[in-house]
Protein backbone atom coordinates (compact mmCIF):
# COMPACT_ATOMS: atom_id res chain seq x y z
CA MET A 1 25.22 -14.86 -6.26
CA ASN A 2 24.77 -11.22 -6.67
CA ASN A 3 27.10 -8.31 -6.12
CA SER A 4 26.17 -6.88 -3.21
CA PRO A 5 25.80 -2.99 -4.29
CA THR A 6 27.80 -0.30 -2.13
CA ARG A 7 24.49 1.09 -0.81
CA PRO A 8 20.96 0.33 -0.44
CA VAL A 9 18.48 0.48 -3.74
CA LYS A 10 15.78 3.27 -3.12
CA VAL A 11 12.43 2.13 -3.67
CA ASP A 12 9.38 4.14 -4.03
CA ILE A 13 6.21 2.24 -3.99
CA TRP A 14 3.07 3.94 -4.56
CA SER A 15 0.07 2.31 -3.19
CA ASP A 16 -3.15 2.35 -1.16
CA ILE A 17 -4.65 1.07 1.67
CA ALA A 18 -7.66 -0.38 -0.11
CA CYS A 19 -5.75 -2.08 -3.38
CA PRO A 20 -6.14 -5.85 -2.65
CA TRP A 21 -3.22 -5.98 -5.36
CA CYS A 22 -1.13 -3.46 -3.37
CA PHE A 23 -0.72 -6.01 -0.07
CA ILE A 24 -0.51 -9.26 -2.23
CA GLY A 25 2.42 -7.12 -4.51
CA LYS A 26 3.59 -5.93 -1.01
CA ARG A 27 4.17 -9.66 -0.10
CA ARG A 28 5.92 -10.47 -3.23
CA PHE A 29 8.67 -7.77 -2.94
CA GLU A 30 9.25 -8.64 0.51
CA ARG A 31 9.88 -12.61 -0.96
CA ALA A 32 11.94 -11.08 -3.51
CA VAL A 33 14.26 -9.03 -1.41
CA ALA A 34 14.35 -11.19 0.95
CA ASP A 35 16.29 -13.79 -1.18
CA TRP A 36 18.47 -10.84 -2.91
CA ASP A 37 22.11 -10.41 -2.17
CA GLY A 38 21.59 -6.44 -0.97
CA ALA A 39 20.46 -3.72 0.90
CA VAL A 40 16.81 -2.58 -0.13
CA GLU A 41 15.57 0.85 1.68
CA VAL A 42 11.52 1.49 0.63
CA GLU A 43 9.72 4.63 1.28
CA PHE A 44 5.51 4.10 0.25
CA HIS A 45 3.79 6.71 -1.45
CA SER A 46 0.36 7.89 -1.35
CA PHE A 47 -2.29 7.01 -3.96
CA GLU A 48 -5.86 7.16 -3.83
CA LEU A 49 -7.72 4.43 -6.22
CA ALA A 50 -11.14 6.13 -5.21
CA PRO A 51 -11.15 9.50 -3.99
CA ASP A 52 -15.29 10.03 -4.54
CA THR A 53 -15.20 7.51 -1.37
CA PRO A 54 -17.63 8.41 1.22
CA VAL A 55 -15.78 7.63 5.11
CA ASP A 56 -18.32 5.46 5.69
CA PHE A 57 -19.88 3.68 2.89
CA GLU A 58 -23.21 2.17 2.81
CA GLY A 59 -22.87 -1.29 1.74
CA SER A 60 -20.62 -4.03 0.96
CA GLU A 61 -17.67 -4.26 -0.94
CA VAL A 62 -19.53 -6.16 -3.58
CA ASP A 63 -22.36 -3.04 -3.83
CA PHE A 64 -19.01 -0.66 -3.97
CA LEU A 65 -17.35 -2.42 -7.03
CA ALA A 66 -20.24 -2.98 -8.92
CA HIS A 67 -21.55 0.65 -8.68
CA HIS A 68 -17.42 2.05 -8.97
CA LYS A 69 -16.91 0.39 -11.98
CA GLY A 70 -20.00 -0.81 -13.24
CA MET A 71 -19.88 -3.99 -13.36
CA ASP A 72 -22.55 -7.08 -12.57
CA PRO A 73 -22.08 -8.16 -8.81
CA ALA A 74 -22.09 -11.59 -9.40
CA GLN A 75 -18.97 -10.96 -11.57
CA VAL A 76 -17.69 -8.99 -8.73
CA GLU A 77 -18.21 -11.85 -6.30
CA GLN A 78 -16.07 -14.04 -8.65
CA MET A 79 -13.56 -11.73 -8.66
CA LEU A 80 -13.44 -10.65 -4.99
CA SER A 81 -13.16 -14.81 -4.85
CA GLN A 82 -10.46 -15.53 -7.10
CA MET A 83 -8.91 -12.47 -5.38
CA THR A 84 -9.25 -14.14 -2.07
CA VAL A 85 -7.48 -17.40 -3.32
CA MET A 86 -4.53 -15.35 -4.47
CA ALA A 87 -3.81 -13.29 -1.58
CA ALA A 88 -4.30 -16.87 0.74
CA GLU A 89 -0.85 -18.14 -2.08
CA GLU A 90 0.84 -15.28 -0.36
CA GLY A 91 -0.28 -15.88 3.26
CA LEU A 92 -2.60 -13.21 3.34
CA ALA A 93 -6.54 -13.84 4.48
CA TYR A 94 -9.01 -11.59 2.72
CA ASP A 95 -12.29 -10.99 3.88
CA PHE A 96 -14.18 -9.43 1.92
CA ASP A 97 -17.13 -10.13 3.82
CA ALA A 98 -15.90 -7.71 6.75
CA LEU A 99 -14.55 -5.55 4.76
CA ARG A 100 -15.31 -2.00 5.68
CA HIS A 101 -15.07 -0.05 2.65
CA THR A 102 -13.67 3.66 3.20
CA LYS A 103 -11.94 7.06 1.69
CA THR A 104 -8.24 6.14 2.68
CA LEU A 105 -6.89 10.07 2.69
CA LEU A 106 -6.30 9.90 6.64
CA ALA A 107 -4.68 6.53 6.62
CA HIS A 108 -2.89 8.00 4.10
CA GLN A 109 -1.73 10.67 6.44
CA ALA A 110 -1.35 8.15 8.80
CA LEU A 111 1.40 6.58 6.99
CA HIS A 112 2.95 10.24 6.40
CA PHE A 113 2.85 10.64 11.10
CA ALA A 114 4.27 7.11 10.57
CA LYS A 115 7.19 7.75 8.56
CA ALA A 116 8.44 11.19 10.43
CA HIS A 117 8.66 8.70 13.89
CA GLY A 118 10.58 5.70 11.90
CA LEU A 119 7.71 3.45 11.58
CA GLN A 120 5.82 3.85 8.32
CA ARG A 121 6.32 -0.18 7.00
CA GLU A 122 5.09 -1.32 10.33
CA LEU A 123 2.07 0.93 10.32
CA LYS A 124 1.90 0.17 6.20
CA GLU A 125 1.58 -3.68 7.11
CA ARG A 126 -0.87 -3.09 10.21
CA LEU A 127 -3.24 -1.08 8.09
CA LEU A 128 -3.19 -3.43 5.05
CA SER A 129 -4.12 -6.20 7.01
CA ALA A 130 -6.38 -4.30 9.70
CA TYR A 131 -9.21 -3.54 5.83
CA PHE A 132 -8.18 -6.74 4.55
CA GLU A 133 -8.44 -9.31 7.15
CA GLN A 134 -10.03 -7.56 10.03
CA GLY A 135 -12.54 -5.87 8.86
CA ARG A 136 -11.78 -2.55 11.05
CA HIS A 137 -12.76 0.94 9.62
CA VAL A 138 -9.30 2.86 8.01
CA GLY A 139 -11.43 6.08 8.04
CA ARG A 140 -11.57 6.94 11.05
CA VAL A 141 -9.59 8.77 13.10
CA ASP A 142 -10.18 6.37 16.82
CA GLU A 143 -9.13 3.36 14.83
CA LEU A 144 -6.04 4.95 13.26
CA VAL A 145 -4.91 6.08 16.71
CA THR A 146 -6.02 2.21 17.78
CA LEU A 147 -3.67 0.45 15.08
CA ALA A 148 -0.85 3.21 15.15
CA THR A 149 -0.54 2.78 18.84
CA GLU A 150 -0.34 -1.17 18.35
CA VAL A 151 3.18 -0.67 16.42
CA GLY A 152 4.55 1.81 18.97
CA LEU A 153 3.68 5.09 17.44
CA ASP A 154 2.37 7.99 20.21
CA GLY A 155 -1.78 8.27 19.77
CA ASP A 156 -2.31 11.32 21.16
CA ALA A 157 0.29 13.13 18.51
CA LEU A 158 -1.35 11.28 15.74
CA ARG A 159 -4.78 12.70 16.58
CA ARG A 160 -3.63 16.30 16.56
CA ASP A 161 -2.03 16.03 13.36
CA LEU A 162 -5.07 14.09 12.17
CA GLU A 163 -7.21 16.84 12.69
CA ALA A 164 -5.03 19.32 12.10
CA GLY A 165 -4.13 17.83 8.77
CA THR A 166 -0.58 18.35 9.65
CA PHE A 167 0.18 15.42 7.03
CA ALA A 168 -2.46 16.64 4.29
CA PRO A 169 0.32 18.41 1.90
CA ASP A 170 2.68 15.57 1.92
CA VAL A 171 -0.82 13.32 0.51
CA GLU A 172 -1.19 15.71 -2.13
CA ALA A 173 2.36 15.97 -2.89
CA ASP A 174 2.86 12.05 -3.03
CA ILE A 175 -0.23 12.13 -5.59
CA ALA A 176 1.29 14.75 -7.87
CA GLN A 177 4.09 12.70 -7.84
CA ALA A 178 2.39 9.83 -9.64
CA ARG A 179 0.64 12.16 -11.45
CA ALA A 180 3.79 13.63 -13.25
CA TYR A 181 4.85 9.76 -12.83
CA GLY A 182 1.90 9.11 -15.19
CA ILE A 183 0.77 6.27 -13.00
CA ALA A 184 -2.28 5.25 -13.25
CA GLY A 185 -2.83 2.51 -11.48
CA VAL A 186 -1.14 0.86 -7.90
CA PRO A 187 1.25 -0.82 -6.49
CA PHE A 188 3.63 1.00 -8.97
CA PHE A 189 7.00 0.64 -7.93
CA VAL A 190 10.09 3.12 -8.56
CA PHE A 191 13.74 2.23 -7.96
CA ASP A 192 16.24 4.31 -7.32
CA GLY A 193 14.58 6.94 -9.41
CA ARG A 194 14.50 5.80 -11.88
CA LEU A 195 12.79 2.47 -13.25
CA GLY A 196 9.55 1.91 -12.81
CA VAL A 197 7.76 -1.81 -12.08
CA SER A 198 3.64 -1.59 -12.28
CA GLY A 199 2.07 -4.21 -10.40
CA ALA A 200 2.09 -7.09 -8.25
CA GLN A 201 5.10 -8.75 -10.20
CA ALA A 202 6.70 -12.24 -9.51
CA PRO A 203 9.38 -12.51 -6.33
CA GLU A 204 11.82 -13.11 -9.66
CA THR A 205 10.78 -10.34 -12.26
CA PHE A 206 11.63 -7.64 -8.65
CA ARG A 207 14.80 -9.76 -8.15
CA GLU A 208 15.88 -9.13 -11.66
CA VAL A 209 14.98 -5.29 -11.53
CA LEU A 210 17.11 -4.75 -8.37
CA ASP A 211 19.78 -6.89 -10.31
CA ARG A 212 19.93 -4.27 -13.34
CA VAL A 213 19.48 -1.31 -11.12
CA VAL A 214 22.58 -2.10 -9.34
CA ALA A 215 24.31 -3.41 -12.30
CA GLU A 216 23.59 -0.40 -14.10
CA ALA A 217 24.60 1.79 -11.05
CA SER A 218 28.13 0.19 -11.10
CA ALA A 219 29.24 -0.17 -15.00
């Protein structure tokens, strides 16, 4: 049994909607928190893995990765197959055949809108599921508005803010902070503003870091 901290441990998570490891990492982190004796406060931050991606990419996920990473298409297909199996182990049903690759900048702005209205975690989950499991196009305003209303957000207000670019500076600030931290890949977890953990680690690893943060804070 761990000693519960007197305050929640703040965990800042940099991730991208179009990042298969980010959804897997989110599930593993959630499992860690569920089995940990303490409170955790989570905030998601923006990161674009492929900022040069067009909003309407004409082609499959295999096409995109083969071009973007310079990999053989057969290699990409094998990699995606392995990723699908790993996702299934976390209860996720990835469908790379249906996936609509797109630029995620607007989705990140929508997440900042959701944070301002207390529903960031709910929209983050909805966007990841829409992208990886349902083949939804999360790069378009109309689709983002629809998905946002499903988690209880005001669609009309979101549309206005997306079209005005209201939260674009917040996305830029997140990306700048990632650069300052030296974050080159996601997911990346920052515990209590001082301990960084890269990648979709096992739940046990996340719990060990949470214990360490609490121990150091009380030392």
